[in-house]
Amino acid sequence: MISSVFSFNKNNWYKAILVIFVWVMGVAYLIHAYVPGFGVAAIDVGLHTIFLVTGFFFLENVFRFYTPQEKHYLIFLSFPLAVSVVIFYLGRYSIGFILGQQLGYLGFVEEVAYLRLFVIFLVVLGYALLLLYHSKLDTQIKAMERTEQMERLVKEAELYQLRQQLQPHFLFNSLNSISSLVKRRPEEAREMVMQLSEFLRKTIRKEDQKWISVREEIEYLGLFIGIEKVRFGHRLKVDFQVQEGSSELVLPQLLVQPLLENAVKHGLYGVLGEVSILVKFAHEGEYLIINIVNPFDPSAGQASGESFGLQAIRRRLYLVFGRHDLLQTQSEAGLFEVKLKIPQNYDQSNSH
């Protein structure tokens, strides 16, 4: 503390000099009110101030390596007391040596000797308490920083695990489809392999980019739909609708793809005809709103509720934003809808 104040690498050292000067002049004037001789009083106060500052440096270095615990309060008090005694006697002999001819002032010093020692002790004890408080506060801040860092690492690890679970989930489905096409329709299997390769290449290339724009997300979704159309042909139709002014809004990378994959799976389950899926991007206040609507037939045994993809995305949203209300689902009149709300005023540097 005192060492940082007097560090010439900072711009606050001259303020400390000014404060010390005002302190010396003020206390010297107070003594002058009892014993005439402002110059003599200023020398006295200046000497004791030098010794006090030196004592502060000593205490600061002691508490830098040793912080007394609450049950060791006697040990804590011993340091300020010892420093106060040393300052008192150094000041006493220095004044006697420098002001040996000022007998009247020296007599006054002897009269208030014990009061002077008590005042010095209070000043040193106050600084020691300030050092102790600062040390404990610094310890608490570092502990909080370590806790926050651990929580952030745990969150990032879980987010990474969720992403790694979702990507193989889609990859295995695609490989199964390729396997089924190899013998019956080899050209389509080859096309699917190429599109899958392109999708994975762009996904891996953007792995470290935590947030992307709606326009970039739609490019990834287009690659994904191209893969799915090889499987389902003309039966699959996906309509992307982007409200004006929404294409540059941002969202966590590949947040929509698992939901769209879920919509394709449930929309085409048990259905022989053409299926149309709507993916809409819009803005509402400070939110990017994403709606994914797919048809489903309850009588065909489809599961319109929570799937692995929905659960993973719900968890991912909570880890990023700390909220449970950003993903909503509803089913009505043979349509299943997923609604995502992505806050745009969020610190994107600490989220995936």
Protein backbone atom coordinates (compact mmCIF):
# COMPACT_ATOMS: atom_id res chain seq x y z
CA MET A 1 0.00 0.00 0.00
CA ILE A 2 2.50 2.65 1.15
CA SER A 3 5.07 1.23 -1.28
CA SER A 4 2.60 1.49 -4.18
CA VAL A 5 1.81 5.09 -3.20
CA PHE A 6 5.48 6.07 -3.34
CA SER A 7 6.14 4.11 -6.52
CA PHE A 8 7.55 6.58 -9.05
CA ASN A 9 6.15 4.43 -11.85
CA LYS A 10 2.73 5.76 -10.96
CA ASN A 11 1.35 9.28 -11.01
CA ASN A 12 0.10 9.41 -7.42
CA TRP A 13 3.44 9.77 -5.58
CA TYR A 14 3.34 13.56 -5.66
CA LYS A 15 -0.10 13.44 -4.04
CA ALA A 16 1.39 11.44 -1.15
CA ILE A 17 4.15 14.06 -0.77
CA LEU A 18 1.51 16.78 -0.70
CA VAL A 19 -0.52 14.93 1.95
CA ILE A 20 2.59 14.44 4.12
CA PHE A 21 3.46 18.12 3.77
CA VAL A 22 -0.03 19.18 4.83
CA TRP A 23 0.14 16.68 7.72
CA VAL A 24 3.49 18.08 8.95
CA MET A 25 2.33 21.69 8.70
CA GLY A 26 -0.99 20.95 10.40
CA VAL A 27 0.45 19.02 13.35
CA ALA A 28 3.30 21.56 13.72
CA TYR A 29 0.75 24.37 13.91
CA LEU A 30 -1.20 22.41 16.53
CA ILE A 31 1.95 21.98 18.66
CA HIS A 32 2.84 25.64 18.09
CA ALA A 33 -0.47 26.54 19.74
CA TYR A 34 0.83 24.99 22.99
CA VAL A 35 4.54 25.79 22.73
CA PRO A 36 5.59 28.78 20.61
CA GLY A 37 8.06 27.92 17.87
CA PHE A 38 6.53 26.78 14.60
CA GLY A 39 9.86 25.94 12.95
CA VAL A 40 10.97 23.77 15.85
CA ALA A 41 7.61 21.98 15.87
CA ALA A 42 7.84 21.41 12.09
CA ILE A 43 11.28 19.77 12.51
CA ASP A 44 9.87 17.56 15.29
CA VAL A 45 6.85 16.48 13.26
CA GLY A 46 8.93 16.00 10.10
CA LEU A 47 11.36 13.66 11.88
CA HIS A 48 8.56 11.61 13.41
CA THR A 49 6.77 11.46 10.04
CA ILE A 50 9.89 10.03 8.39
CA PHE A 51 10.10 7.39 11.12
CA LEU A 52 6.37 6.66 10.80
CA VAL A 53 6.60 6.14 7.04
CA THR A 54 9.61 3.87 7.56
CA GLY A 55 7.61 1.91 10.15
CA PHE A 56 4.74 1.62 7.67
CA PHE A 57 7.13 0.11 5.10
CA PHE A 58 8.33 -2.36 7.73
CA LEU A 59 4.78 -3.40 8.71
CA GLU A 60 3.76 -3.76 5.09
CA ASN A 61 6.65 -6.14 4.40
CA VAL A 62 5.88 -8.12 7.57
CA PHE A 63 2.21 -8.59 6.69
CA ARG A 64 3.09 -9.38 3.10
CA PHE A 65 4.62 -12.66 4.28
CA TYR A 66 2.65 -13.21 7.50
CA THR A 67 -1.02 -12.48 8.11
CA PRO A 68 -2.06 -13.03 11.77
CA GLN A 69 -5.27 -14.97 12.26
CA GLU A 70 -8.11 -13.73 14.45
CA LYS A 71 -7.14 -15.96 17.39
CA HIS A 72 -3.60 -14.56 17.31
CA TYR A 73 -4.59 -10.96 18.05
CA LEU A 74 -1.83 -10.60 20.69
CA ILE A 75 0.77 -11.40 18.03
CA PHE A 76 -0.90 -8.90 15.74
CA LEU A 77 -0.78 -6.16 18.43
CA SER A 78 2.87 -6.88 19.20
CA PHE A 79 4.03 -5.66 15.77
CA PRO A 80 2.47 -2.17 15.96
CA LEU A 81 3.55 -1.85 19.60
CA ALA A 82 7.16 -2.73 18.83
CA VAL A 83 7.25 -0.35 15.84
CA SER A 84 5.67 2.42 17.94
CA VAL A 85 8.28 2.05 20.69
CA VAL A 86 11.12 2.15 18.16
CA ILE A 87 9.64 5.26 16.47
CA PHE A 88 9.15 6.93 19.85
CA TYR A 89 12.74 6.47 21.02
CA LEU A 90 14.25 7.26 17.63
CA GLY A 91 12.26 10.48 17.55
CA ARG A 92 13.13 11.30 21.14
CA TYR A 93 16.88 10.95 20.68
CA SER A 94 16.83 12.63 17.25
CA ILE A 95 15.06 15.68 18.66
CA GLY A 96 17.47 15.79 21.60
CA PHE A 97 20.41 15.69 19.20
CA ILE A 98 19.10 18.24 16.68
CA LEU A 99 17.24 20.58 19.04
CA GLY A 100 19.61 20.34 22.01
CA GLN A 101 19.55 24.13 22.49
CA GLN A 102 15.74 24.38 22.62
CA LEU A 103 15.42 23.57 26.32
CA GLY A 104 11.86 24.87 26.61
CA TYR A 105 10.63 22.73 23.76
CA LEU A 106 12.52 19.68 25.02
CA GLY A 107 10.86 20.13 28.39
CA PHE A 108 7.46 20.14 26.69
CA VAL A 109 8.41 16.96 24.83
CA GLU A 110 9.24 15.22 28.10
CA GLU A 111 5.94 16.32 29.65
CA VAL A 112 3.87 14.76 26.84
CA ALA A 113 6.16 11.76 26.24
CA TYR A 114 3.61 9.08 27.16
CA LEU A 115 0.83 10.88 25.28
CA ARG A 116 3.12 11.06 22.25
CA LEU A 117 3.85 7.32 22.50
CA PHE A 118 0.13 6.58 22.74
CA VAL A 119 -0.66 8.71 19.68
CA ILE A 120 2.12 7.04 17.68
CA PHE A 121 0.79 3.64 18.70
CA LEU A 122 -2.75 4.56 17.56
CA VAL A 123 -1.48 5.75 14.19
CA VAL A 124 0.65 2.62 13.63
CA LEU A 125 -2.14 0.34 14.89
CA GLY A 126 -4.61 2.00 12.50
CA TYR A 127 -2.26 1.38 9.58
CA ALA A 128 -1.72 -2.23 10.70
CA LEU A 129 -5.50 -2.77 10.82
CA LEU A 130 -5.76 -1.26 7.34
CA LEU A 131 -3.07 -3.67 6.11
CA LEU A 132 -4.86 -6.62 7.70
CA TYR A 133 -8.19 -5.61 6.13
CA HIS A 134 -6.54 -5.11 2.75
CA SER A 135 -4.84 -8.52 2.99
CA LYS A 136 -8.08 -10.32 3.85
CA LEU A 137 -9.95 -8.44 1.13
CA ASP A 138 -7.27 -9.32 -1.42
CA THR A 139 -7.45 -12.97 -0.31
CA GLN A 140 -11.24 -12.99 -0.72
CA ILE A 141 -11.02 -11.38 -4.16
CA LYS A 142 -8.46 -13.95 -5.31
CA ALA A 143 -10.60 -16.77 -3.92
CA MET A 144 -13.63 -15.41 -5.79
CA GLU A 145 -11.59 -15.11 -8.98
CA ARG A 146 -10.43 -18.73 -8.62
CA THR A 147 -14.01 -19.85 -8.00
CA GLU A 148 -15.28 -17.92 -11.03
CA GLN A 149 -12.46 -19.32 -13.15
CA MET A 150 -13.28 -22.87 -12.06
CA GLU A 151 -16.98 -22.32 -12.77
CA ARG A 152 -16.14 -20.90 -16.18
CA LEU A 153 -13.89 -23.86 -16.98
CA VAL A 154 -16.60 -26.30 -15.86
CA LYS A 155 -19.19 -24.48 -17.98
CA GLU A 156 -16.92 -24.43 -21.02
CA ALA A 157 -16.15 -28.12 -20.57
CA GLU A 158 -19.86 -28.98 -20.42
CA LEU A 159 -20.60 -26.79 -23.44
CA TYR A 160 -17.82 -28.49 -25.36
CA GLN A 161 -19.17 -31.90 -24.36
CA LEU A 162 -22.67 -30.93 -25.51
CA ARG A 163 -21.34 -29.82 -28.90
CA GLN A 164 -19.32 -33.01 -29.25
CA GLN A 165 -22.42 -35.06 -28.44
CA LEU A 166 -24.60 -33.25 -30.98
CA GLN A 167 -22.14 -33.45 -33.88
CA PRO A 168 -21.59 -37.27 -33.75
CA HIS A 169 -25.35 -37.66 -33.31
CA PHE A 170 -25.85 -36.05 -36.73
CA LEU A 171 -22.76 -37.75 -38.17
CA PHE A 172 -23.91 -41.25 -37.22
CA ASN A 173 -27.33 -40.65 -38.76
CA SER A 174 -25.68 -39.46 -41.97
CA LEU A 175 -23.29 -42.42 -42.10
CA ASN A 176 -26.18 -44.82 -41.63
CA SER A 177 -27.97 -43.18 -44.53
CA ILE A 178 -24.83 -43.37 -46.68
CA SER A 179 -24.48 -47.03 -45.80
CA SER A 180 -28.04 -47.73 -46.92
CA LEU A 181 -27.49 -45.88 -50.23
CA VAL A 182 -24.15 -47.43 -51.20
CA LYS A 183 -25.58 -50.51 -52.91
CA ARG A 184 -28.95 -49.21 -54.07
CA ARG A 185 -28.00 -45.69 -55.18
CA PRO A 186 -24.18 -45.31 -55.23
CA GLU A 187 -24.22 -41.92 -56.99
CA GLU A 188 -26.45 -40.43 -54.30
CA ALA A 189 -24.24 -42.00 -51.62
CA ARG A 190 -21.20 -40.35 -53.22
CA GLU A 191 -22.99 -36.99 -53.36
CA MET A 192 -23.98 -37.32 -49.72
CA VAL A 193 -20.38 -38.09 -48.70
CA MET A 194 -19.15 -34.97 -50.50
CA GLN A 195 -21.78 -32.74 -48.93
CA LEU A 196 -21.13 -34.23 -45.50
CA SER A 197 -17.41 -33.61 -45.99
CA GLU A 198 -18.06 -29.97 -46.92
CA PHE A 199 -20.36 -29.49 -43.93
CA LEU A 200 -17.83 -30.94 -41.47
CA ARG A 201 -14.95 -28.99 -43.04
CA LYS A 202 -16.71 -25.66 -42.57
CA THR A 203 -17.90 -26.60 -39.12
CA ILE A 204 -14.41 -27.52 -37.92
CA ARG A 205 -12.95 -24.41 -39.51
CA LYS A 206 -15.33 -22.25 -37.47
CA GLU A 207 -14.94 -24.26 -34.24
CA ASP A 208 -13.31 -21.39 -32.33
CA GLN A 209 -15.86 -18.83 -33.51
CA LYS A 210 -18.34 -18.83 -30.67
CA TRP A 211 -20.97 -16.52 -32.22
CA ILE A 212 -21.94 -16.19 -35.85
CA SER A 213 -24.46 -14.15 -37.79
CA VAL A 214 -27.84 -15.41 -38.96
CA ARG A 215 -26.54 -15.26 -42.53
CA GLU A 216 -23.62 -17.61 -41.68
CA GLU A 217 -25.90 -19.96 -39.74
CA ILE A 218 -28.23 -20.25 -42.73
CA GLU A 219 -25.23 -21.20 -44.91
CA TYR A 220 -24.47 -24.10 -42.55
CA LEU A 221 -28.13 -25.07 -42.44
CA GLY A 222 -28.19 -25.06 -46.24
CA LEU A 223 -25.34 -27.58 -46.30
CA PHE A 224 -27.16 -29.71 -43.77
CA ILE A 225 -30.40 -29.61 -45.75
CA GLY A 226 -28.48 -30.59 -48.88
CA ILE A 227 -27.35 -33.74 -47.07
CA GLU A 228 -30.86 -34.49 -45.85
CA LYS A 229 -32.35 -34.00 -49.32
CA VAL A 230 -30.11 -36.76 -50.63
CA ARG A 231 -31.81 -39.04 -48.11
CA PHE A 232 -35.39 -37.85 -48.61
CA GLY A 233 -35.36 -36.33 -52.10
CA HIS A 234 -38.31 -34.20 -53.17
CA ARG A 235 -40.23 -35.12 -50.01
CA LEU A 236 -38.24 -32.58 -47.94
CA LYS A 237 -38.80 -28.87 -48.38
CA VAL A 238 -37.34 -26.28 -46.01
CA ASP A 239 -38.43 -22.65 -46.20
CA PHE A 240 -35.99 -20.12 -44.67
CA GLN A 241 -37.60 -16.78 -43.88
CA VAL A 242 -35.41 -13.91 -42.65
CA GLN A 243 -37.04 -10.70 -41.49
CA GLU A 244 -35.47 -7.55 -42.88
CA GLY A 245 -32.65 -6.37 -40.62
CA SER A 246 -32.19 -9.77 -38.96
CA SER A 247 -29.49 -11.32 -41.14
CA GLU A 248 -26.63 -9.70 -39.18
CA LEU A 249 -27.97 -10.57 -35.74
CA VAL A 250 -25.84 -13.15 -33.95
CA LEU A 251 -26.32 -16.47 -32.18
CA PRO A 252 -24.10 -19.26 -30.81
CA GLN A 253 -22.68 -21.37 -33.63
CA LEU A 254 -24.74 -24.35 -34.86
CA LEU A 255 -27.51 -23.77 -32.34
CA VAL A 256 -30.29 -24.28 -34.89
CA GLN A 257 -28.94 -27.34 -36.73
CA PRO A 258 -29.84 -29.93 -34.04
CA LEU A 259 -33.35 -28.46 -33.84
CA LEU A 260 -33.75 -28.54 -37.62
CA GLU A 261 -32.47 -32.12 -37.66
CA ASN A 262 -35.07 -32.94 -35.01
CA ALA A 263 -37.76 -31.29 -37.15
CA VAL A 264 -36.72 -33.29 -40.22
CA LYS A 265 -36.76 -36.55 -38.29
CA HIS A 266 -40.16 -36.01 -36.70
CA GLY A 267 -41.67 -34.25 -39.72
CA LEU A 268 -40.91 -37.11 -42.09
CA TYR A 269 -41.55 -39.95 -39.65
CA GLY A 270 -44.36 -42.13 -41.01
CA VAL A 271 -45.14 -39.62 -43.79
CA LEU A 272 -44.97 -40.62 -47.48
CA GLY A 273 -45.79 -37.29 -49.10
CA GLU A 274 -43.99 -33.97 -49.23
CA VAL A 275 -43.19 -32.29 -45.92
CA SER A 276 -42.55 -28.56 -45.56
CA ILE A 277 -40.54 -27.20 -42.61
CA LEU A 278 -40.46 -23.50 -41.79
CA VAL A 279 -37.39 -21.83 -40.27
CA LYS A 280 -37.98 -18.17 -39.51
CA PHE A 281 -35.51 -15.57 -38.18
CA ALA A 282 -36.86 -12.29 -36.84
CA HIS A 283 -35.97 -9.63 -34.30
CA GLU A 284 -38.11 -8.53 -31.40
CA GLY A 285 -36.67 -5.79 -29.20
CA GLU A 286 -33.28 -6.98 -27.98
CA TYR A 287 -33.89 -10.60 -29.01
CA LEU A 288 -33.32 -12.67 -32.12
CA ILE A 289 -36.41 -14.86 -32.48
CA ILE A 290 -36.06 -18.21 -34.27
CA ASN A 291 -39.13 -20.32 -35.05
CA ILE A 292 -38.91 -23.87 -36.40
CA VAL A 293 -42.22 -25.41 -37.40
CA ASN A 294 -42.66 -28.96 -38.67
CA PRO A 295 -45.75 -31.14 -39.19
CA PHE A 296 -46.23 -34.26 -37.12
CA ASP A 297 -48.80 -36.99 -37.00
CA PRO A 298 -49.59 -38.12 -33.43
CA SER A 299 -51.34 -41.22 -34.75
CA ALA A 300 -48.09 -42.35 -36.42
CA GLY A 301 -46.42 -42.77 -33.04
CA GLN A 302 -44.18 -39.75 -33.28
CA ALA A 303 -42.65 -38.29 -30.16
CA SER A 304 -43.46 -34.60 -30.25
CA GLY A 305 -41.94 -33.92 -26.84
CA GLU A 306 -38.35 -33.53 -25.61
CA SER A 307 -35.70 -35.29 -27.68
CA PHE A 308 -31.94 -35.42 -27.11
CA GLY A 309 -31.45 -32.41 -29.39
CA LEU A 310 -33.99 -30.29 -27.53
CA GLN A 311 -32.58 -31.24 -24.14
CA ALA A 312 -29.02 -30.49 -25.23
CA ILE A 313 -29.96 -27.10 -26.69
CA ARG A 314 -31.99 -26.22 -23.60
CA ARG A 315 -28.98 -27.03 -21.42
CA ARG A 316 -26.62 -25.13 -23.71
CA LEU A 317 -28.81 -22.01 -23.54
CA TYR A 318 -28.83 -22.20 -19.76
CA LEU A 319 -25.04 -22.52 -19.58
CA VAL A 320 -24.56 -19.55 -21.90
CA PHE A 321 -27.27 -17.20 -20.64
CA GLY A 322 -28.24 -18.62 -17.24
CA ARG A 323 -31.93 -18.68 -18.21
CA HIS A 324 -34.53 -21.41 -18.68
CA ASP A 325 -37.08 -19.38 -20.68
CA LEU A 326 -35.22 -19.03 -24.00
CA LEU A 327 -36.51 -22.25 -25.60
CA GLN A 328 -40.22 -22.98 -25.84
CA THR A 329 -42.12 -25.75 -27.62
CA GLN A 330 -45.77 -26.21 -28.49
CA SER A 331 -47.83 -28.60 -30.60
CA GLU A 332 -51.15 -27.68 -32.11
CA ALA A 333 -53.24 -28.80 -35.10
CA GLY A 334 -50.63 -31.27 -36.33
CA LEU A 335 -47.76 -28.77 -36.13
CA PHE A 336 -44.84 -28.83 -33.72
CA GLU A 337 -43.10 -25.50 -33.12
CA VAL A 338 -39.82 -24.68 -31.39
CA LYS A 339 -39.18 -21.04 -30.48
CA LEU A 340 -35.74 -19.73 -29.59
CA LYS A 341 -34.98 -16.32 -28.08
CA ILE A 342 -31.34 -15.18 -28.32
CA PRO A 343 -30.44 -12.01 -26.34
CA GLN A 344 -28.39 -9.60 -28.43
CA ASN A 345 -27.13 -7.44 -25.56
CA TYR A 346 -25.11 -10.27 -24.05
CA ASP A 347 -21.32 -10.40 -23.54
CA GLN A 348 -20.35 -12.75 -26.35
CA SER A 349 -16.69 -13.05 -25.30
CA ASN A 350 -17.45 -15.50 -22.45
CA SER A 351 -20.05 -17.76 -24.01
CA HIS A 352 -20.19 -20.61 -26.51
